[in-house]
Structure formats: structure tokens, C-alpha cells
């Protein structure tokens, strides 16, 4: 099957979901945008698009993170029985539910950029100057633009306070210089006020 496989007689002839092991490595997951390797469990969700009716494919685990209600419905319908080559085994729905809950918890914990935090290990390096970040020292988490296919996303990067000004001036930086101090204070948690003040003074 391709990413979107048209049906021959319309949507009513196709089941709403199919769970199967990918029969090639040609399809891409519509959630993470990465290739779905051959034999990896995937779920097809039926859509009616401009080029006909067919399936959009997702890694089963990716779908559980973002579309658990649809995965739950696919399990209720035993969608693996709709596959041309039904998989020998599918993970228990409870396991996929845990995956969904963990993803939702991480989303709740995600913070707006920029923010300051204490470096936990001393093993990381500043993404601007490439020098080590000090364990227990304040590091600033900023955002850089990353091209992902035909999209541009923002990924977090850790930098020294002294490197913030140069990072803000770089073309890849996704953080606005205007209002930076205010945003940093608002988004920062668990950093003592005196250390945050010292970091802001170092930023300048």
C-alpha cells in the first residue's frame, strides 16, 4: 500500500482502519514524518481526499501518542483482521494507552522558550560556542529553526548566558530579542532568584 491507497468502489467498500506490518519501506508516517520500515506495525486511517479515497499511514505507536481515540476504535473493530497479511501479534491496547498518557504528560510539562534551568550533569555543551556547560550552573534554553522536510520547526538548544546575545543575533535563532528578559523570567522554574539575576546580568 502507498501512503494513500485509493479504493476501487468508494469509501463504503473500505474499512475505516487497517493495522498491519508494513509490506515495504515506501510509506511515511503522517505523525512523525519518518519512514515506516518494512514489517513495522502501522495503522491506516481512511480518508476521502482530492485524489480519491484511501489510507494515511502512521506508526502504530505514533498514532497512540496523538490519536489514541482512533487507535482505540481500530482495536474495537479488530482492524488487524482487515490487513491483507494480518500481523502475528499486536501490542495490548493498555500498553498503547500508557504511551498516550506519557506523551500527554510530557506535553503538559513542556515549557515555552526561552527559559533558564540548572545543568544536571555537566556533560552537555553550549550549542553556540561548543564549550562544556557547568554542572549546577545556569544554562539558557533557547530555540533554533530546523528544516524538517518542507516544514520549519523550532528545536530547543542549551547555551551559556554569555552566549545568549550572539545566539539571538544568529539567523537560525527562533527567539525574539525584544522582551527576552521578561519571557525568560516568566518561563523559568526551579532556578533560585539570585542565580537567575546573575545570569540575566551576564546576558546583558
N, C-alpha and C. Protein backbone atom coordinates (compact mmCIF):
# COMPACT_ATOMS: atom_id res chain seq x y z
N UNK A 1 0.84 -1.20 0.00
CA UNK A 1 0.00 0.00 0.00
C UNK A 1 0.87 1.25 0.00
N UNK A 2 0.42 2.26 -0.65
CA UNK A 2 1.11 3.54 -0.60
C UNK A 2 0.58 4.33 0.57
N UNK A 3 1.07 5.57 0.71
CA UNK A 3 0.59 6.41 1.80
C UNK A 3 -0.91 6.61 1.71
N UNK A 4 -1.41 6.75 0.51
CA UNK A 4 -2.84 6.90 0.32
C UNK A 4 -3.24 5.96 -0.80
N UNK A 5 -3.93 4.90 -0.46
CA UNK A 5 -4.29 3.89 -1.45
C UNK A 5 -5.75 4.05 -1.83
N UNK A 6 -6.06 4.46 -3.06
CA UNK A 6 -7.45 4.66 -3.45
C UNK A 6 -8.23 3.37 -3.43
N UNK A 7 -9.46 3.47 -3.07
CA UNK A 7 -10.36 2.33 -3.14
C UNK A 7 -11.02 2.29 -4.51
N UNK A 8 -11.38 1.11 -4.96
CA UNK A 8 -11.94 0.97 -6.30
C UNK A 8 -13.41 1.34 -6.37
N UNK A 9 -14.14 1.18 -5.27
CA UNK A 9 -15.58 1.41 -5.31
C UNK A 9 -16.06 2.39 -4.26
N UNK A 10 -15.18 3.33 -3.79
CA UNK A 10 -15.64 4.34 -2.85
C UNK A 10 -15.36 3.97 -1.42
N UNK A 11 -15.61 4.95 -0.54
CA UNK A 11 -15.26 4.80 0.86
C UNK A 11 -16.03 3.68 1.53
N UNK A 12 -17.28 3.41 1.05
CA UNK A 12 -18.09 2.42 1.73
C UNK A 12 -17.54 1.00 1.58
N UNK A 13 -16.62 0.80 0.62
CA UNK A 13 -16.07 -0.52 0.39
C UNK A 13 -14.80 -0.77 1.20
N UNK A 14 -14.31 0.23 1.86
CA UNK A 14 -13.07 0.10 2.61
C UNK A 14 -13.33 0.25 4.11
N UNK A 15 -12.67 -0.56 4.94
CA UNK A 15 -12.83 -0.40 6.39
C UNK A 15 -12.19 0.91 6.84
N UNK A 16 -12.66 1.49 7.95
CA UNK A 16 -12.12 2.79 8.38
C UNK A 16 -10.68 2.71 8.88
N UNK A 17 -10.24 1.53 9.32
CA UNK A 17 -8.88 1.38 9.83
C UNK A 17 -8.30 0.04 9.37
N UNK A 18 -6.99 0.03 9.18
CA UNK A 18 -6.25 -1.21 8.92
C UNK A 18 -4.98 -1.17 9.78
N UNK A 19 -4.72 -2.25 10.50
CA UNK A 19 -3.48 -2.39 11.25
C UNK A 19 -2.72 -3.55 10.65
N UNK A 20 -1.47 -3.30 10.27
CA UNK A 20 -0.69 -4.33 9.60
C UNK A 20 0.79 -4.05 9.76
N UNK A 21 1.60 -5.04 9.41
CA UNK A 21 3.03 -4.83 9.27
C UNK A 21 3.28 -4.24 7.89
N UNK A 22 4.03 -3.15 7.83
CA UNK A 22 4.29 -2.50 6.54
C UNK A 22 4.92 -3.51 5.58
N UNK A 23 4.41 -3.57 4.36
CA UNK A 23 4.89 -4.56 3.40
C UNK A 23 6.04 -4.03 2.54
N UNK A 24 6.44 -2.80 2.78
CA UNK A 24 7.61 -2.22 2.13
C UNK A 24 8.10 -1.10 3.03
N UNK A 25 9.10 -0.36 2.57
CA UNK A 25 9.58 0.80 3.33
C UNK A 25 9.29 2.09 2.59
N UNK A 26 8.24 2.10 1.77
CA UNK A 26 7.95 3.27 0.94
C UNK A 26 7.05 4.28 1.62
N UNK A 27 6.24 3.86 2.59
CA UNK A 27 5.30 4.79 3.19
C UNK A 27 5.97 5.61 4.29
N UNK A 28 5.39 6.78 4.57
CA UNK A 28 5.87 7.65 5.64
C UNK A 28 4.77 7.86 6.66
N UNK A 29 5.17 7.97 7.91
CA UNK A 29 4.23 8.21 8.99
C UNK A 29 3.74 9.65 8.92
N UNK A 30 2.44 9.84 8.93
CA UNK A 30 1.88 11.19 8.87
C UNK A 30 1.96 11.92 10.19
N UNK A 31 2.38 11.23 11.25
CA UNK A 31 2.57 11.90 12.54
C UNK A 31 4.00 12.40 12.69
N UNK A 32 4.97 11.49 12.56
CA UNK A 32 6.38 11.88 12.79
C UNK A 32 7.11 12.22 11.50
N UNK A 33 6.49 11.93 10.33
CA UNK A 33 7.07 12.24 9.01
C UNK A 33 8.26 11.35 8.67
N UNK A 34 8.53 10.34 9.46
CA UNK A 34 9.65 9.45 9.16
C UNK A 34 9.16 8.22 8.40
N UNK A 35 10.12 7.55 7.78
CA UNK A 35 9.80 6.35 7.01
C UNK A 35 9.27 5.25 7.93
N UNK A 36 8.32 4.49 7.44
CA UNK A 36 7.83 3.32 8.16
C UNK A 36 8.54 2.11 7.57
N UNK A 37 9.44 1.53 8.33
CA UNK A 37 10.24 0.42 7.82
C UNK A 37 9.39 -0.83 7.59
N UNK A 38 9.84 -1.64 6.66
CA UNK A 38 9.16 -2.88 6.33
C UNK A 38 8.95 -3.72 7.59
N UNK A 39 7.77 -4.28 7.71
CA UNK A 39 7.34 -5.15 8.82
C UNK A 39 7.02 -4.39 10.10
N UNK A 40 7.27 -3.07 10.15
CA UNK A 40 6.90 -2.29 11.33
C UNK A 40 5.38 -2.12 11.38
N UNK A 41 4.81 -2.27 12.57
CA UNK A 41 3.36 -2.13 12.69
C UNK A 41 2.93 -0.70 12.35
N UNK A 42 1.92 -0.59 11.51
CA UNK A 42 1.40 0.71 11.13
C UNK A 42 -0.12 0.63 11.14
N UNK A 43 -0.75 1.79 11.25
CA UNK A 43 -2.20 1.88 11.19
C UNK A 43 -2.59 2.80 10.04
N UNK A 44 -3.49 2.33 9.22
CA UNK A 44 -4.02 3.14 8.13
C UNK A 44 -5.37 3.71 8.53
N UNK A 45 -5.52 5.03 8.34
CA UNK A 45 -6.77 5.70 8.68
C UNK A 45 -7.40 6.20 7.38
N UNK A 46 -8.61 5.78 7.13
CA UNK A 46 -9.28 6.06 5.86
C UNK A 46 -9.66 7.53 5.75
N UNK A 47 -9.33 8.12 4.62
CA UNK A 47 -9.76 9.49 4.34
C UNK A 47 -10.29 9.56 2.92
N UNK A 48 -11.06 10.61 2.67
CA UNK A 48 -11.50 10.90 1.31
C UNK A 48 -10.84 12.21 0.92
N UNK A 49 -9.88 12.14 0.03
CA UNK A 49 -9.10 13.30 -0.36
C UNK A 49 -9.36 13.71 -1.79
N UNK A 50 -8.61 14.70 -2.26
CA UNK A 50 -8.82 15.21 -3.63
C UNK A 50 -8.49 14.19 -4.70
N UNK A 51 -7.69 13.17 -4.36
CA UNK A 51 -7.29 12.17 -5.36
C UNK A 51 -8.00 10.84 -5.14
N UNK A 52 -9.05 10.86 -4.34
CA UNK A 52 -9.80 9.64 -4.11
C UNK A 52 -9.80 9.24 -2.65
N UNK A 53 -10.27 8.04 -2.40
CA UNK A 53 -10.38 7.52 -1.04
C UNK A 53 -9.23 6.56 -0.77
N UNK A 54 -8.62 6.69 0.39
CA UNK A 54 -7.51 5.80 0.72
C UNK A 54 -7.05 5.99 2.14
N UNK A 55 -5.92 5.38 2.45
CA UNK A 55 -5.41 5.37 3.81
C UNK A 55 -4.21 6.31 3.97
N UNK A 56 -4.19 7.01 5.10
CA UNK A 56 -2.99 7.70 5.54
C UNK A 56 -2.38 6.86 6.64
N UNK A 57 -1.07 6.62 6.52
CA UNK A 57 -0.40 5.67 7.41
C UNK A 57 0.34 6.37 8.54
N UNK A 58 0.34 5.71 9.69
CA UNK A 58 1.05 6.19 10.87
C UNK A 58 1.72 4.97 11.52
N UNK A 59 2.92 5.17 12.11
CA UNK A 59 3.40 4.15 13.03
C UNK A 59 2.31 3.93 14.08
N UNK A 60 2.10 2.70 14.48
CA UNK A 60 1.05 2.43 15.47
C UNK A 60 1.34 3.18 16.77
N UNK A 61 2.60 3.22 17.19
CA UNK A 61 2.93 3.92 18.43
C UNK A 61 2.78 5.44 18.28
N UNK A 62 3.11 5.98 17.10
CA UNK A 62 2.91 7.42 16.88
C UNK A 62 1.43 7.77 16.95
N UNK A 63 0.60 6.94 16.35
CA UNK A 63 -0.84 7.19 16.38
C UNK A 63 -1.36 7.13 17.81
N UNK A 64 -0.81 6.21 18.62
CA UNK A 64 -1.24 6.11 20.02
C UNK A 64 -0.93 7.38 20.78
N UNK A 65 0.21 8.03 20.45
CA UNK A 65 0.58 9.26 21.15
C UNK A 65 -0.35 10.41 20.82
N UNK A 66 -0.77 10.51 19.58
CA UNK A 66 -1.51 11.69 19.13
C UNK A 66 -2.99 11.43 18.86
N UNK A 67 -3.36 10.18 18.56
CA UNK A 67 -4.72 9.88 18.10
C UNK A 67 -5.25 8.62 18.81
N UNK A 68 -5.13 8.61 20.12
CA UNK A 68 -5.45 7.37 20.83
C UNK A 68 -6.90 6.95 20.64
N UNK A 69 -7.81 7.90 20.58
CA UNK A 69 -9.23 7.54 20.43
C UNK A 69 -9.45 6.76 19.14
N UNK A 70 -8.75 7.15 18.07
CA UNK A 70 -8.89 6.42 16.81
C UNK A 70 -8.24 5.05 16.89
N UNK A 71 -7.10 4.95 17.59
CA UNK A 71 -6.47 3.65 17.80
C UNK A 71 -7.39 2.74 18.60
N UNK A 72 -8.01 3.31 19.63
CA UNK A 72 -8.94 2.55 20.46
C UNK A 72 -10.10 2.02 19.62
N UNK A 73 -10.61 2.85 18.72
CA UNK A 73 -11.70 2.41 17.84
C UNK A 73 -11.22 1.32 16.89
N UNK A 74 -9.98 1.46 16.38
CA UNK A 74 -9.43 0.44 15.49
C UNK A 74 -9.29 -0.90 16.21
N UNK A 75 -8.90 -0.86 17.48
CA UNK A 75 -8.82 -2.10 18.25
C UNK A 75 -10.20 -2.70 18.47
N UNK A 76 -11.18 -1.83 18.74
CA UNK A 76 -12.55 -2.34 18.93
C UNK A 76 -13.03 -3.06 17.68
N UNK A 77 -12.64 -2.54 16.52
CA UNK A 77 -13.05 -3.14 15.24
C UNK A 77 -12.12 -4.28 14.80
N UNK A 78 -11.08 -4.56 15.63
CA UNK A 78 -10.08 -5.59 15.28
C UNK A 78 -9.54 -5.35 13.88
N UNK A 79 -8.99 -4.14 13.69
CA UNK A 79 -8.60 -3.69 12.36
C UNK A 79 -7.46 -4.51 11.76
N UNK A 80 -6.74 -5.28 12.56
CA UNK A 80 -5.69 -6.13 12.02
C UNK A 80 -6.28 -7.23 11.14
N UNK A 81 -7.54 -7.58 11.36
CA UNK A 81 -8.18 -8.60 10.54
C UNK A 81 -8.48 -8.09 9.13
N UNK A 82 -8.40 -6.75 8.93
CA UNK A 82 -8.65 -6.16 7.62
C UNK A 82 -7.39 -6.14 6.75
N UNK A 83 -6.24 -6.47 7.34
CA UNK A 83 -4.99 -6.44 6.59
C UNK A 83 -4.92 -7.60 5.61
N UNK A 84 -4.25 -7.37 4.48
CA UNK A 84 -4.06 -8.45 3.51
C UNK A 84 -3.19 -9.56 4.09
N UNK A 85 -2.23 -9.13 4.92
CA UNK A 85 -1.40 -10.09 5.64
C UNK A 85 -1.46 -9.72 7.13
N UNK A 86 -2.46 -10.22 7.86
CA UNK A 86 -2.63 -9.82 9.26
C UNK A 86 -1.36 -10.08 10.07
N UNK A 87 -0.99 -9.14 10.96
CA UNK A 87 0.21 -9.34 11.79
C UNK A 87 0.01 -10.49 12.76
N UNK A 88 1.11 -11.15 13.10
CA UNK A 88 1.04 -12.27 14.02
C UNK A 88 0.63 -11.81 15.41
N UNK A 89 1.01 -10.58 15.76
CA UNK A 89 0.74 -10.08 17.11
C UNK A 89 0.65 -8.57 17.09
N UNK A 90 -0.26 -8.02 17.87
CA UNK A 90 -0.34 -6.57 18.07
C UNK A 90 -0.18 -6.30 19.56
N UNK A 91 0.38 -5.15 19.94
CA UNK A 91 0.57 -4.86 21.36
C UNK A 91 -0.77 -4.69 22.07
N UNK A 92 -0.85 -5.01 23.35
CA UNK A 92 -2.09 -4.80 24.10
C UNK A 92 -2.49 -3.32 24.07
N UNK A 93 -3.77 -3.06 24.02
CA UNK A 93 -4.26 -1.69 24.00
C UNK A 93 -3.83 -0.94 25.25
N UNK A 94 -3.73 -1.63 26.37
CA UNK A 94 -3.30 -0.97 27.61
C UNK A 94 -1.89 -0.41 27.48
N UNK A 95 -1.02 -1.11 26.76
CA UNK A 95 0.34 -0.60 26.54
C UNK A 95 0.31 0.67 25.71
N UNK A 96 -0.53 0.69 24.69
CA UNK A 96 -0.64 1.89 23.85
C UNK A 96 -1.28 3.05 24.63
N UNK A 97 -2.18 2.71 25.54
CA UNK A 97 -2.79 3.75 26.37
C UNK A 97 -1.73 4.40 27.26
N UNK A 98 -0.81 3.60 27.80
CA UNK A 98 0.28 4.15 28.62
C UNK A 98 1.16 5.07 27.78
N UNK A 99 1.41 4.67 26.54
CA UNK A 99 2.18 5.52 25.62
C UNK A 99 1.49 6.85 25.42
N UNK A 100 0.17 6.81 25.24
CA UNK A 100 -0.61 8.03 25.06
C UNK A 100 -0.55 8.91 26.31
N UNK A 101 -0.69 8.31 27.48
CA UNK A 101 -0.67 9.08 28.72
C UNK A 101 0.70 9.70 28.97
N UNK A 102 1.77 8.97 28.68
CA UNK A 102 3.13 9.50 28.85
C UNK A 102 3.37 10.67 27.91
N UNK A 103 2.86 10.57 26.68
CA UNK A 103 3.01 11.66 25.72
C UNK A 103 2.26 12.90 26.19
N UNK A 104 1.06 12.70 26.74
CA UNK A 104 0.27 13.84 27.23
C UNK A 104 0.96 14.49 28.43
N UNK A 105 1.58 13.67 29.29
CA UNK A 105 2.28 14.22 30.45
C UNK A 105 3.48 15.05 30.02
N UNK A 106 4.24 14.56 29.03
CA UNK A 106 5.38 15.31 28.52
C UNK A 106 4.93 16.63 27.91
N UNK A 107 3.79 16.62 27.23
CA UNK A 107 3.27 17.85 26.63
C UNK A 107 2.90 18.87 27.70
N UNK A 108 2.33 18.39 28.82
CA UNK A 108 1.96 19.29 29.90
C UNK A 108 3.20 19.90 30.56
N UNK A 109 4.28 19.11 30.59
CA UNK A 109 5.50 19.58 31.24
C UNK A 109 6.34 20.47 30.34
N UNK A 110 6.05 20.46 29.05
CA UNK A 110 6.84 21.25 28.11
C UNK A 110 6.68 22.73 28.41
N UNK A 111 7.76 23.45 28.39
CA UNK A 111 7.74 24.86 28.72
C UNK A 111 7.95 25.72 27.49
N UNK A 112 7.41 26.93 27.56
CA UNK A 112 7.65 27.89 26.49
C UNK A 112 9.11 28.34 26.53
N UNK A 113 9.65 28.60 25.35
CA UNK A 113 11.00 29.12 25.22
C UNK A 113 10.96 30.64 25.20
N UNK A 114 12.01 31.29 25.74
CA UNK A 114 13.20 30.75 26.40
C UNK A 114 12.96 30.54 27.89
N UNK A 115 13.80 29.71 28.51
CA UNK A 115 13.77 29.59 29.96
C UNK A 115 15.16 29.21 30.46
N UNK A 116 15.38 29.39 31.74
CA UNK A 116 16.65 29.03 32.36
C UNK A 116 16.45 27.79 33.22
N UNK A 117 17.50 26.99 33.33
CA UNK A 117 17.47 25.82 34.19
C UNK A 117 18.89 25.53 34.65
N UNK A 118 19.02 24.69 35.67
CA UNK A 118 20.33 24.30 36.17
C UNK A 118 20.80 23.06 35.43
N UNK A 119 22.02 23.11 34.94
CA UNK A 119 22.55 21.97 34.19
C UNK A 119 22.69 20.77 35.13
N UNK A 120 22.10 19.61 34.79
CA UNK A 120 22.07 18.49 35.73
C UNK A 120 23.33 17.64 35.76
N UNK A 121 24.18 17.70 34.73
CA UNK A 121 25.26 16.72 34.64
C UNK A 121 26.64 17.28 34.32
N UNK A 122 26.70 18.38 33.60
CA UNK A 122 27.99 18.89 33.15
C UNK A 122 28.51 18.18 31.92
N UNK A 123 27.70 17.32 31.32
CA UNK A 123 28.14 16.59 30.12
C UNK A 123 27.74 17.29 28.83
N UNK A 124 26.77 18.20 28.90
CA UNK A 124 26.29 18.88 27.69
C UNK A 124 27.23 20.02 27.31
N UNK A 125 27.16 20.42 26.06
CA UNK A 125 27.96 21.54 25.57
C UNK A 125 27.04 22.65 25.07
N UNK A 126 27.51 23.86 25.18
CA UNK A 126 26.79 25.01 24.67
C UNK A 126 26.68 24.88 23.15
N UNK A 127 25.47 25.05 22.62
CA UNK A 127 25.27 24.91 21.18
C UNK A 127 25.81 26.08 20.39
N UNK A 128 26.18 27.15 21.08
CA UNK A 128 26.73 28.30 20.36
C UNK A 128 28.26 28.25 20.31
N UNK A 129 28.91 28.08 21.47
CA UNK A 129 30.38 28.11 21.49
C UNK A 129 31.01 26.73 21.57
N UNK A 130 30.18 25.70 21.80
CA UNK A 130 30.63 24.30 21.86
C UNK A 130 31.48 23.99 23.09
N UNK A 131 31.56 24.90 24.04
CA UNK A 131 32.28 24.62 25.28
C UNK A 131 31.34 23.97 26.30
N UNK A 132 31.88 23.19 27.24
CA UNK A 132 31.03 22.46 28.20
C UNK A 132 30.21 23.43 29.07
N UNK A 133 29.02 22.97 29.42
CA UNK A 133 28.19 23.68 30.39
C UNK A 133 28.50 23.14 31.78
N UNK A 134 28.59 24.03 32.74
CA UNK A 134 29.00 23.63 34.08
C UNK A 134 27.86 22.94 34.83
N UNK A 135 28.17 21.82 35.46
CA UNK A 135 27.18 21.12 36.26
C UNK A 135 26.69 22.03 37.38
N UNK A 136 25.37 22.16 37.50
CA UNK A 136 24.78 23.00 38.52
C UNK A 136 24.73 24.46 38.15
N UNK A 137 25.36 24.83 37.03
CA UNK A 137 25.32 26.21 36.57
C UNK A 137 24.05 26.50 35.79
N UNK A 138 23.75 27.77 35.62
CA UNK A 138 22.56 28.17 34.87
C UNK A 138 22.84 28.07 33.38
N UNK A 139 21.96 27.40 32.68
CA UNK A 139 22.01 27.38 31.22
C UNK A 139 20.70 27.94 30.69
N UNK A 140 20.76 28.53 29.53
CA UNK A 140 19.58 29.14 28.93
C UNK A 140 19.11 28.27 27.78
N UNK A 141 17.85 27.89 27.82
CA UNK A 141 17.27 27.05 26.77
C UNK A 141 16.56 27.97 25.78
N UNK A 142 17.08 27.99 24.57
CA UNK A 142 16.55 28.85 23.52
C UNK A 142 16.01 27.98 22.38
N UNK A 143 15.62 28.59 21.29
CA UNK A 143 15.08 27.84 20.17
C UNK A 143 15.80 28.16 18.88
N UNK A 144 16.05 27.10 18.08
CA UNK A 144 16.63 27.26 16.76
C UNK A 144 15.69 26.69 15.71
N UNK A 145 15.66 27.35 14.56
CA UNK A 145 14.86 26.86 13.46
C UNK A 145 15.54 25.66 12.82
N UNK A 146 14.75 24.61 12.59
CA UNK A 146 15.26 23.39 11.97
C UNK A 146 14.35 23.03 10.81
N UNK A 147 14.94 22.83 9.63
CA UNK A 147 14.16 22.41 8.47
C UNK A 147 13.87 20.93 8.59
N UNK A 148 12.58 20.59 8.40
CA UNK A 148 12.14 19.21 8.53
C UNK A 148 11.27 18.92 7.32
N UNK A 149 11.89 18.38 6.27
CA UNK A 149 11.16 18.23 5.01
C UNK A 149 10.87 19.60 4.44
N UNK A 150 9.60 19.86 4.17
CA UNK A 150 9.21 21.19 3.67
C UNK A 150 8.68 22.09 4.78
N UNK A 151 8.93 21.69 6.03
CA UNK A 151 8.48 22.47 7.17
C UNK A 151 9.67 23.03 7.93
N UNK A 152 9.42 24.08 8.68
CA UNK A 152 10.44 24.63 9.58
C UNK A 152 9.92 24.52 11.00
N UNK A 153 10.65 23.81 11.83
CA UNK A 153 10.26 23.63 13.22
C UNK A 153 11.29 24.29 14.13
N UNK A 154 10.94 24.41 15.39
CA UNK A 154 11.83 25.02 16.37
C UNK A 154 12.28 23.96 17.35
N UNK A 155 13.59 23.79 17.46
CA UNK A 155 14.15 22.83 18.40
C UNK A 155 14.87 23.54 19.53
N UNK A 156 14.80 23.02 20.77
CA UNK A 156 15.47 23.67 21.90
C UNK A 156 16.98 23.46 21.85
N UNK A 157 17.73 24.48 22.24
CA UNK A 157 19.19 24.38 22.35
C UNK A 157 19.62 25.03 23.66
N UNK A 158 20.66 24.47 24.27
CA UNK A 158 21.19 24.99 25.53
C UNK A 158 22.42 25.85 25.27
N UNK A 159 22.45 27.05 25.86
CA UNK A 159 23.59 27.94 25.67
C UNK A 159 24.00 28.58 27.01
N UNK A 160 25.26 28.98 27.07
CA UNK A 160 25.72 29.75 28.23
C UNK A 160 24.99 31.10 28.27
N UNK A 161 24.77 31.67 29.43
CA UNK A 161 24.23 33.03 29.49
C UNK A 161 25.07 34.02 28.68
N UNK A 162 26.39 33.86 28.71
CA UNK A 162 27.25 34.80 27.99
C UNK A 162 27.12 34.67 26.47
N UNK A 163 26.54 33.55 26.01
CA UNK A 163 26.39 33.32 24.56
C UNK A 163 25.02 33.72 24.04
N UNK A 164 24.13 34.15 24.93
CA UNK A 164 22.76 34.45 24.53
C UNK A 164 22.70 35.57 23.49
N UNK A 165 23.43 36.66 23.70
CA UNK A 165 23.36 37.79 22.79
C UNK A 165 23.77 37.39 21.38
N UNK A 166 24.84 36.61 21.27
CA UNK A 166 25.30 36.16 19.96
C UNK A 166 24.30 35.19 19.33
N UNK A 167 23.69 34.35 20.17
CA UNK A 167 22.68 33.41 19.66
C UNK A 167 21.46 34.15 19.14
N UNK A 168 21.04 35.19 19.85
CA UNK A 168 19.89 35.99 19.41
C UNK A 168 20.15 36.65 18.06
N UNK A 169 21.40 36.94 17.78
CA UNK A 169 21.74 37.62 16.53
C UNK A 169 21.90 36.65 15.36
N UNK A 170 21.91 35.35 15.62
CA UNK A 170 22.11 34.37 14.55
C UNK A 170 20.83 34.19 13.73
N UNK A 171 21.00 33.82 12.46
CA UNK A 171 19.85 33.65 11.57
C UNK A 171 18.97 32.49 11.97
N UNK A 172 19.55 31.48 12.61
CA UNK A 172 18.78 30.29 12.98
C UNK A 172 17.95 30.48 14.25
N UNK A 173 18.22 31.55 15.00
CA UNK A 173 17.53 31.74 16.27
C UNK A 173 16.04 32.01 16.05
N UNK A 174 15.21 31.32 16.83
CA UNK A 174 13.76 31.49 16.72
C UNK A 174 13.18 32.30 17.87
N UNK A 175 14.04 32.92 18.67
CA UNK A 175 13.62 33.70 19.83
C UNK A 175 13.79 35.18 19.53
N UNK A 176 12.78 35.97 19.90
CA UNK A 176 12.85 37.42 19.69
C UNK A 176 13.69 38.07 20.78
N UNK A 177 14.53 39.01 20.37
CA UNK A 177 15.34 39.75 21.34
C UNK A 177 14.48 40.69 22.19
N UNK A 178 13.47 41.31 21.56
CA UNK A 178 12.58 42.21 22.29
C UNK A 178 11.79 41.42 23.34
N UNK A 179 11.84 41.87 24.56
CA UNK A 179 11.10 41.21 25.63
C UNK A 179 11.73 39.93 26.12
N UNK A 180 13.01 39.68 25.75
CA UNK A 180 13.66 38.43 26.12
C UNK A 180 13.73 38.25 27.64
N UNK A 181 14.17 39.28 28.35
CA UNK A 181 14.31 39.18 29.81
C UNK A 181 12.98 38.83 30.48
N UNK A 182 11.92 39.50 30.03
CA UNK A 182 10.59 39.26 30.62
C UNK A 182 10.14 37.84 30.37
N UNK A 183 10.32 37.36 29.12
CA UNK A 183 9.91 36.00 28.77
C UNK A 183 10.71 34.97 29.56
N UNK A 184 12.02 35.23 29.71
CA UNK A 184 12.87 34.29 30.44
C UNK A 184 12.42 34.15 31.89
N UNK A 185 12.13 35.27 32.53
CA UNK A 185 11.66 35.22 33.92
C UNK A 185 10.32 34.49 34.02
N UNK A 186 9.43 34.78 33.10
CA UNK A 186 8.09 34.19 33.15
C UNK A 186 8.12 32.67 32.94
N UNK A 187 9.04 32.19 32.12
CA UNK A 187 9.06 30.78 31.75
C UNK A 187 9.96 29.92 32.64
N UNK A 188 10.75 30.54 33.49
CA UNK A 188 11.74 29.81 34.30
C UNK A 188 11.12 29.30 35.60
N UNK A 189 11.44 28.04 35.92
CA UNK A 189 11.02 27.44 37.19
C UNK A 189 12.24 26.82 37.86
N UNK A 190 12.21 26.74 39.17
CA UNK A 190 13.20 25.97 39.95
C UNK A 190 14.63 26.49 39.83
N UNK A 191 14.81 27.75 39.47
CA UNK A 191 16.12 28.37 39.49
C UNK A 191 16.09 29.47 40.55
N UNK A 192 16.96 29.42 41.57
CA UNK A 192 16.96 30.45 42.61
C UNK A 192 17.05 31.85 42.02
N UNK A 193 16.35 32.78 42.64
CA UNK A 193 16.27 34.15 42.10
C UNK A 193 17.63 34.80 41.95
N UNK A 194 18.53 34.55 42.91
CA UNK A 194 19.84 35.19 42.81
C UNK A 194 20.64 34.66 41.63
N UNK A 195 20.52 33.35 41.34
CA UNK A 195 21.23 32.78 40.19
C UNK A 195 20.63 33.28 38.88
N UNK A 196 19.31 33.42 38.85
CA UNK A 196 18.67 33.93 37.64
C UNK A 196 19.07 35.38 37.40
N UNK A 197 19.10 36.17 38.46
CA UNK A 197 19.52 37.57 38.33
C UNK A 197 20.95 37.66 37.81
N UNK A 198 21.83 36.78 38.32
CA UNK A 198 23.22 36.79 37.88
C UNK A 198 23.32 36.39 36.41
N UNK A 199 22.51 35.42 36.00
CA UNK A 199 22.52 35.01 34.61
C UNK A 199 22.04 36.14 33.69
N UNK A 200 20.99 36.83 34.11
CA UNK A 200 20.48 37.95 33.31
C UNK A 200 21.52 39.07 33.22
N UNK A 201 22.24 39.29 34.30
CA UNK A 201 23.29 40.30 34.27
C UNK A 201 24.40 39.90 33.30
N UNK A 202 24.70 38.61 33.24
CA UNK A 202 25.72 38.12 32.32
C UNK A 202 25.25 38.22 30.87
N UNK A 203 23.94 38.00 30.67
CA UNK A 203 23.38 38.13 29.33
C UNK A 203 23.52 39.56 28.85
N UNK A 204 23.28 40.51 29.77
CA UNK A 204 23.43 41.93 29.41
C UNK A 204 22.18 42.51 28.80
